[in-house]
């Protein structure tokens, strides 16, 4: 009878230590999972930031190209830049105005 009683606290202590170790192992697995999830979110955020920067750059290039094209088209259609050298572009009030 004394052997059973003396062995019971040791078994209880071993079972408690095993359960505590299992709890810490589970917590470690959960921490690893959440760390991996955090790294994935971080990488997704970096990719989103890069995509945003690329989008802003492409938008700026598109806007500049569109503006330059519209200005070039306007000046080409108006003949503003195609006047011969030495001839005034706007000839309002001169003898050339009758030819217009």
N, C-alpha and C. Protein backbone atom coordinates (compact mmCIF):
# COMPACT_ATOMS: atom_id res chain seq x y z
N UNK A 1 0.82 -1.19 0.00
CA UNK A 1 0.00 0.00 0.00
C UNK A 1 0.86 1.26 0.00
N UNK A 2 1.97 1.20 0.66
CA UNK A 2 2.82 2.37 0.71
C UNK A 2 3.46 2.66 -0.66
N UNK A 3 3.65 1.63 -1.50
CA UNK A 3 4.21 1.85 -2.83
C UNK A 3 3.22 2.61 -3.73
N UNK A 4 1.96 2.29 -3.63
CA UNK A 4 0.95 2.96 -4.45
C UNK A 4 0.84 4.42 -4.02
N UNK A 5 0.82 4.62 -2.73
CA UNK A 5 0.70 6.01 -2.24
C UNK A 5 1.95 6.82 -2.56
N UNK A 6 3.08 6.22 -2.49
CA UNK A 6 4.30 6.97 -2.79
C UNK A 6 4.45 7.21 -4.28
N UNK A 7 3.87 6.34 -5.12
CA UNK A 7 3.97 6.52 -6.56
C UNK A 7 2.94 7.47 -7.13
N UNK A 8 1.86 7.70 -6.42
CA UNK A 8 0.78 8.55 -6.93
C UNK A 8 1.22 10.00 -7.12
N UNK A 9 1.91 10.60 -6.17
CA UNK A 9 2.34 12.00 -6.41
C UNK A 9 3.30 12.11 -7.60
N UNK A 10 4.12 11.10 -7.82
CA UNK A 10 5.03 11.15 -8.96
C UNK A 10 4.28 11.05 -10.29
N UNK A 11 3.28 10.22 -10.32
CA UNK A 11 2.49 10.10 -11.55
C UNK A 11 1.69 11.38 -11.80
N UNK A 12 1.13 11.95 -10.76
CA UNK A 12 0.38 13.20 -10.90
C UNK A 12 1.28 14.32 -11.37
N UNK A 13 2.48 14.36 -10.82
CA UNK A 13 3.44 15.38 -11.23
C UNK A 13 3.85 15.17 -12.68
N UNK A 14 4.04 13.91 -13.08
CA UNK A 14 4.41 13.63 -14.47
C UNK A 14 3.27 13.99 -15.42
N UNK A 15 2.05 13.67 -15.02
CA UNK A 15 0.89 14.00 -15.87
C UNK A 15 0.73 15.51 -15.98
N UNK A 16 0.93 16.21 -14.88
CA UNK A 16 0.84 17.68 -14.91
C UNK A 16 1.93 18.28 -15.79
N UNK A 17 3.13 17.75 -15.67
CA UNK A 17 4.23 18.24 -16.49
C UNK A 17 3.98 17.94 -17.96
N UNK A 18 3.41 16.77 -18.26
CA UNK A 18 3.10 16.43 -19.64
C UNK A 18 2.04 17.37 -20.20
N UNK A 19 0.99 17.62 -19.44
CA UNK A 19 -0.07 18.53 -19.90
C UNK A 19 0.47 19.95 -20.07
N UNK A 20 1.34 20.38 -19.17
CA UNK A 20 1.94 21.72 -19.31
C UNK A 20 2.82 21.78 -20.56
N UNK A 21 3.59 20.72 -20.79
CA UNK A 21 4.42 20.69 -22.00
C UNK A 21 3.58 20.68 -23.26
N UNK A 22 2.47 19.93 -23.24
CA UNK A 22 1.57 19.91 -24.41
C UNK A 22 0.95 21.29 -24.64
N UNK A 23 0.61 21.98 -23.55
CA UNK A 23 0.04 23.33 -23.68
C UNK A 23 1.07 24.30 -24.26
N UNK A 24 2.30 24.22 -23.78
CA UNK A 24 3.34 25.09 -24.33
C UNK A 24 3.64 24.75 -25.79
N UNK A 25 3.61 23.48 -26.14
CA UNK A 25 3.84 23.07 -27.52
C UNK A 25 2.73 23.62 -28.42
N UNK A 26 1.49 23.50 -27.95
CA UNK A 26 0.35 24.03 -28.72
C UNK A 26 0.46 25.55 -28.87
N UNK A 27 0.85 26.20 -27.79
CA UNK A 27 1.03 27.67 -27.87
C UNK A 27 2.14 28.03 -28.83
N UNK A 28 3.21 27.23 -28.85
CA UNK A 28 4.30 27.48 -29.79
C UNK A 28 3.85 27.29 -31.23
N UNK A 29 3.05 26.25 -31.48
CA UNK A 29 2.51 26.04 -32.83
C UNK A 29 1.62 27.21 -33.24
N UNK A 30 0.78 27.66 -32.32
CA UNK A 30 -0.10 28.79 -32.62
C UNK A 30 0.72 30.05 -32.89
N UNK A 31 1.76 30.27 -32.10
CA UNK A 31 2.61 31.45 -32.32
C UNK A 31 3.31 31.37 -33.66
N UNK A 32 3.75 30.17 -34.04
CA UNK A 32 4.39 29.99 -35.35
C UNK A 32 3.39 30.28 -36.46
N UNK A 33 2.17 29.79 -36.30
CA UNK A 33 1.13 30.03 -37.31
C UNK A 33 0.86 31.53 -37.44
N UNK A 34 0.69 32.20 -36.30
CA UNK A 34 0.39 33.62 -36.35
C UNK A 34 1.57 34.43 -36.87
N UNK A 35 2.78 33.98 -36.60
CA UNK A 35 3.96 34.66 -37.16
C UNK A 35 3.99 34.50 -38.67
N UNK A 36 3.67 33.30 -39.15
CA UNK A 36 3.62 33.10 -40.60
C UNK A 36 2.51 33.91 -41.23
N UNK A 37 1.36 33.96 -40.55
CA UNK A 37 0.25 34.77 -41.06
C UNK A 37 0.63 36.26 -41.07
N UNK A 38 1.32 36.70 -40.02
CA UNK A 38 1.77 38.10 -39.98
C UNK A 38 2.76 38.41 -41.09
N UNK A 39 3.66 37.46 -41.35
CA UNK A 39 4.61 37.66 -42.45
C UNK A 39 3.89 37.72 -43.80
N UNK A 40 2.87 36.88 -43.96
CA UNK A 40 2.10 36.92 -45.21
C UNK A 40 1.37 38.25 -45.37
N UNK A 41 0.82 38.74 -44.27
CA UNK A 41 0.13 40.05 -44.33
C UNK A 41 1.14 41.16 -44.63
N UNK A 42 2.32 41.07 -44.02
CA UNK A 42 3.36 42.06 -44.28
C UNK A 42 3.77 42.05 -45.75
N UNK A 43 3.99 40.86 -46.31
CA UNK A 43 4.36 40.76 -47.72
C UNK A 43 3.23 41.26 -48.62
N UNK A 44 2.00 40.95 -48.26
CA UNK A 44 0.87 41.45 -49.05
C UNK A 44 0.80 42.98 -48.99
N UNK A 45 1.09 43.53 -47.83
CA UNK A 45 1.11 44.99 -47.71
C UNK A 45 2.22 45.62 -48.53
N UNK A 46 3.38 44.99 -48.54
CA UNK A 46 4.48 45.50 -49.37
C UNK A 46 4.13 45.42 -50.85
N UNK A 47 3.54 44.30 -51.25
CA UNK A 47 3.13 44.16 -52.66
C UNK A 47 2.07 45.20 -53.01
N UNK A 48 1.16 45.44 -52.10
CA UNK A 48 0.12 46.44 -52.35
C UNK A 48 0.73 47.83 -52.45
N UNK A 49 1.71 48.13 -51.60
CA UNK A 49 2.38 49.43 -51.67
C UNK A 49 3.14 49.60 -52.97
N UNK A 50 3.83 48.54 -53.41
CA UNK A 50 4.55 48.61 -54.69
C UNK A 50 3.58 48.78 -55.85
N UNK A 51 2.46 48.05 -55.79
CA UNK A 51 1.47 48.19 -56.86
C UNK A 51 0.88 49.60 -56.87
N UNK A 52 0.67 50.16 -55.70
CA UNK A 52 0.17 51.53 -55.63
C UNK A 52 1.17 52.54 -56.18
N UNK A 53 2.44 52.34 -55.86
CA UNK A 53 3.47 53.24 -56.40
C UNK A 53 3.57 53.10 -57.91
N UNK A 54 3.50 51.86 -58.39
CA UNK A 54 3.55 51.65 -59.84
C UNK A 54 2.33 52.27 -60.51
N UNK A 55 1.17 52.10 -59.90
CA UNK A 55 -0.05 52.70 -60.45
C UNK A 55 0.03 54.22 -60.49
N UNK A 56 0.56 54.81 -59.43
CA UNK A 56 0.70 56.27 -59.40
C UNK A 56 1.68 56.74 -60.48
N UNK A 57 2.77 55.99 -60.66
CA UNK A 57 3.75 56.35 -61.69
C UNK A 57 3.14 56.24 -63.09
N UNK A 58 2.43 55.14 -63.33
CA UNK A 58 1.80 54.97 -64.65
C UNK A 58 0.73 56.03 -64.89
N UNK A 59 0.02 56.39 -63.84
CA UNK A 59 -0.99 57.45 -63.98
C UNK A 59 -0.33 58.78 -64.33
N UNK A 60 0.78 59.08 -63.67
CA UNK A 60 1.49 60.33 -63.97
C UNK A 60 2.03 60.33 -65.39
N UNK A 61 2.59 59.20 -65.83
CA UNK A 61 3.11 59.11 -67.20
C UNK A 61 1.97 59.23 -68.20
N UNK A 62 0.86 58.57 -67.95
CA UNK A 62 -0.29 58.65 -68.85
C UNK A 62 -0.82 60.08 -68.92
N UNK A 63 -0.92 60.74 -67.77
CA UNK A 63 -1.42 62.11 -67.75
C UNK A 63 -0.48 63.05 -68.50
N UNK A 64 0.81 62.90 -68.30
CA UNK A 64 1.77 63.75 -69.00
C UNK A 64 1.74 63.49 -70.50
N UNK A 65 1.63 62.22 -70.89
CA UNK A 65 1.58 61.89 -72.32
C UNK A 65 0.29 62.42 -72.95
N UNK A 66 -0.81 62.26 -72.24
CA UNK A 66 -2.09 62.76 -72.75
C UNK A 66 -2.06 64.28 -72.89
N UNK A 67 -1.53 64.95 -71.88
CA UNK A 67 -1.44 66.42 -71.94
C UNK A 67 -0.55 66.87 -73.10
N UNK A 68 0.60 66.22 -73.25
CA UNK A 68 1.50 66.59 -74.36
C UNK A 68 0.84 66.31 -75.70
N UNK A 69 0.13 65.21 -75.82
CA UNK A 69 -0.56 64.90 -77.07
C UNK A 69 -1.66 65.89 -77.38
N UNK A 70 -2.43 66.27 -76.36
CA UNK A 70 -3.50 67.25 -76.58
C UNK A 70 -2.93 68.61 -76.98
N UNK A 71 -1.86 69.02 -76.31
CA UNK A 71 -1.24 70.31 -76.66
C UNK A 71 -0.64 70.28 -78.07
N UNK A 72 0.02 69.17 -78.40
CA UNK A 72 0.59 69.06 -79.75
C UNK A 72 -0.50 69.05 -80.79
N UNK A 73 -1.58 68.33 -80.53
CA UNK A 73 -2.71 68.32 -81.46
C UNK A 73 -3.34 69.69 -81.61
N UNK A 74 -3.49 70.40 -80.51
CA UNK A 74 -4.08 71.74 -80.57
C UNK A 74 -3.20 72.68 -81.39
N UNK A 75 -1.88 72.65 -81.11
CA UNK A 75 -0.99 73.55 -81.85
C UNK A 75 -0.88 73.16 -83.32
N UNK A 76 -0.93 71.87 -83.60
CA UNK A 76 -0.87 71.45 -85.01
C UNK A 76 -2.14 71.84 -85.74
N UNK A 77 -3.29 71.67 -85.10
CA UNK A 77 -4.56 72.00 -85.75
C UNK A 77 -4.74 73.51 -85.90
N UNK A 78 -4.23 74.28 -84.97
CA UNK A 78 -4.41 75.72 -85.04
C UNK A 78 -3.39 76.39 -85.96
N UNK A 79 -2.35 75.69 -86.32
CA UNK A 79 -1.33 76.29 -87.15
C UNK A 79 -0.46 77.26 -86.39
N UNK A 80 -0.51 77.23 -85.09
CA UNK A 80 0.22 78.18 -84.26
C UNK A 80 1.72 78.03 -84.43
N UNK A 81 2.19 76.82 -84.60
CA UNK A 81 3.63 76.59 -84.70
C UNK A 81 4.11 76.44 -86.13
N UNK A 82 3.21 76.57 -87.09
CA UNK A 82 3.62 76.32 -88.46
C UNK A 82 3.79 77.59 -89.30
N UNK A 83 3.88 78.73 -88.67
CA UNK A 83 4.08 79.97 -89.43
C UNK A 83 5.49 80.03 -89.96
N UNK A 84 5.69 80.54 -91.16
CA UNK A 84 7.05 80.68 -91.71
C UNK A 84 7.88 81.65 -90.86
N UNK A 85 9.17 81.48 -90.91
CA UNK A 85 10.07 82.34 -90.14
C UNK A 85 9.98 83.75 -90.71
N UNK A 86 9.86 84.73 -89.86
CA UNK A 86 9.79 86.12 -90.28
C UNK A 86 8.37 86.60 -90.47
N UNK A 87 7.43 85.71 -90.55
CA UNK A 87 6.04 86.11 -90.71
C UNK A 87 5.37 86.03 -89.34
N UNK A 88 4.65 87.03 -88.93
CA UNK A 88 4.01 87.00 -87.62
C UNK A 88 2.94 85.90 -87.56
N UNK A 89 2.85 85.29 -86.42
CA UNK A 89 1.87 84.22 -86.25
C UNK A 89 0.47 84.80 -86.25
N UNK A 90 0.27 85.85 -85.48
CA UNK A 90 -1.01 86.53 -85.46
C UNK A 90 -0.86 87.86 -86.20
N UNK A 91 -1.65 88.03 -87.23
CA UNK A 91 -1.48 89.22 -88.07
C UNK A 91 -2.74 90.07 -88.05
N UNK A 92 -3.29 90.26 -86.89
CA UNK A 92 -4.50 91.05 -86.77
C UNK A 92 -4.13 92.53 -86.88
N UNK A 93 -4.84 93.21 -87.73
CA UNK A 93 -4.63 94.65 -87.87
C UNK A 93 -3.49 95.01 -88.80
N UNK A 94 -2.95 94.11 -89.55
CA UNK A 94 -1.88 94.42 -90.49
C UNK A 94 -2.41 94.20 -91.90
N UNK A 95 -1.55 94.43 -92.87
CA UNK A 95 -1.95 94.25 -94.26
C UNK A 95 -2.23 92.79 -94.59
N UNK A 96 -1.64 91.88 -93.85
CA UNK A 96 -1.87 90.46 -94.10
C UNK A 96 -3.23 89.98 -93.63
N UNK A 97 -3.92 90.79 -92.84
CA UNK A 97 -5.20 90.32 -92.31
C UNK A 97 -6.23 90.15 -93.41
N UNK A 98 -6.10 90.87 -94.52
CA UNK A 98 -7.04 90.71 -95.62
C UNK A 98 -6.87 89.35 -96.29
N UNK A 99 -5.65 88.80 -96.27
CA UNK A 99 -5.42 87.50 -96.88
C UNK A 99 -6.01 86.37 -96.05
N UNK A 100 -6.24 86.62 -94.79
CA UNK A 100 -6.82 85.60 -93.92
C UNK A 100 -8.28 85.54 -94.20
